[in-house]
Amino acid sequence: MQSRLQDEVIIDWIDGAKLAVRRGMIGATGNIYCGLHEYVDMRFVLDTLQPGDLFVDIGAPVVSYTVLASKVR
């Protein structure tokens, strides 16, 4: 299957966050089409984290969760 993305694109995502996505970034490209690619887990982050909480995104090459966590207010 060939990707529709040819270059890096920057999308407006959650609460004004920007997400840079390139071809081959499967999880990140899913966010373009679905909003939240891993809906249940990503909603958990948005609904559970509180301002001032420490969030560590270990082993995540795409950092979608880090971008989400940065938007918690």
Protein backbone atom coordinates (compact mmCIF):
# COMPACT_ATOMS: atom_id res chain seq x y z
CA MET A 1 0.00 0.00 0.00
CA GLN A 2 1.36 3.40 -0.91
CA SER A 3 0.90 6.44 1.28
CA ARG A 4 -1.04 9.47 0.07
CA LEU A 5 1.43 11.71 1.88
CA GLN A 6 4.37 12.79 -0.21
CA ASP A 7 5.99 15.31 2.13
CA GLU A 8 5.72 16.29 5.75
CA VAL A 9 2.45 17.97 6.60
CA ILE A 10 1.59 19.92 9.72
CA ILE A 11 -2.00 19.52 10.86
CA ASP A 12 -4.07 21.40 13.40
CA TRP A 13 -4.91 18.78 15.96
CA ILE A 14 -6.29 18.89 19.52
CA ASP A 15 -6.82 22.21 21.36
CA GLY A 16 -4.61 24.14 18.96
CA ALA A 17 -1.77 21.62 18.96
CA LYS A 18 0.14 21.10 15.74
CA LEU A 19 1.18 17.61 14.66
CA ALA A 20 3.92 17.10 12.04
CA VAL A 21 3.29 13.93 10.04
CA ARG A 22 5.36 12.23 7.35
CA ARG A 23 4.78 9.22 5.17
CA GLY A 24 5.32 5.98 7.08
CA MET A 25 4.31 7.37 10.48
CA ILE A 26 1.37 4.97 10.78
CA GLY A 27 0.09 6.05 14.18
CA ALA A 28 0.46 9.73 13.39
CA THR A 29 -1.19 9.48 9.98
CA GLY A 30 -4.09 7.71 11.68
CA ASN A 31 -4.62 10.93 13.63
CA ILE A 32 -5.19 12.79 10.35
CA TYR A 33 -8.03 10.48 9.39
CA CYS A 34 -9.49 9.61 12.81
CA GLY A 35 -8.72 12.59 15.02
CA LEU A 36 -7.46 10.34 17.81
CA HIS A 37 -5.87 7.26 16.27
CA GLU A 38 -5.93 5.26 19.52
CA TYR A 39 -9.14 6.81 20.79
CA VAL A 40 -9.59 5.03 24.15
CA ASP A 41 -5.96 5.46 25.25
CA MET A 42 -5.72 9.04 24.00
CA ARG A 43 -9.00 10.02 25.68
CA PHE A 44 -7.61 8.52 28.89
CA VAL A 45 -4.63 10.88 28.67
CA LEU A 46 -6.84 13.90 28.01
CA ASP A 47 -9.39 13.03 30.70
CA THR A 48 -7.03 11.85 33.45
CA LEU A 49 -4.03 14.16 33.43
CA GLN A 50 -4.27 17.29 35.54
CA PRO A 51 -2.22 20.48 35.22
CA GLY A 52 1.09 19.95 37.01
CA ASP A 53 1.11 16.15 36.55
CA LEU A 54 4.29 14.54 35.29
CA PHE A 55 3.81 12.71 31.98
CA VAL A 56 6.56 10.53 30.53
CA ASP A 57 6.20 9.17 26.99
CA ILE A 58 8.76 6.35 26.87
CA GLY A 59 9.70 4.63 23.63
CA ALA A 60 7.41 6.67 21.46
CA PRO A 61 8.97 7.63 18.14
CA VAL A 62 5.97 9.69 16.99
CA VAL A 63 5.23 11.58 20.27
CA SER A 64 1.49 11.91 19.64
CA TYR A 65 0.83 11.28 23.33
CA THR A 66 3.36 13.92 24.35
CA VAL A 67 1.60 16.47 22.15
CA LEU A 68 -1.73 15.49 23.74
CA ALA A 69 -0.33 15.72 27.26
CA SER A 70 1.07 19.17 26.52
CA LYS A 71 -2.47 20.43 25.90
CA VAL A 72 -3.88 19.42 29.30
CA ARG A 73 -5.10 22.52 31.14
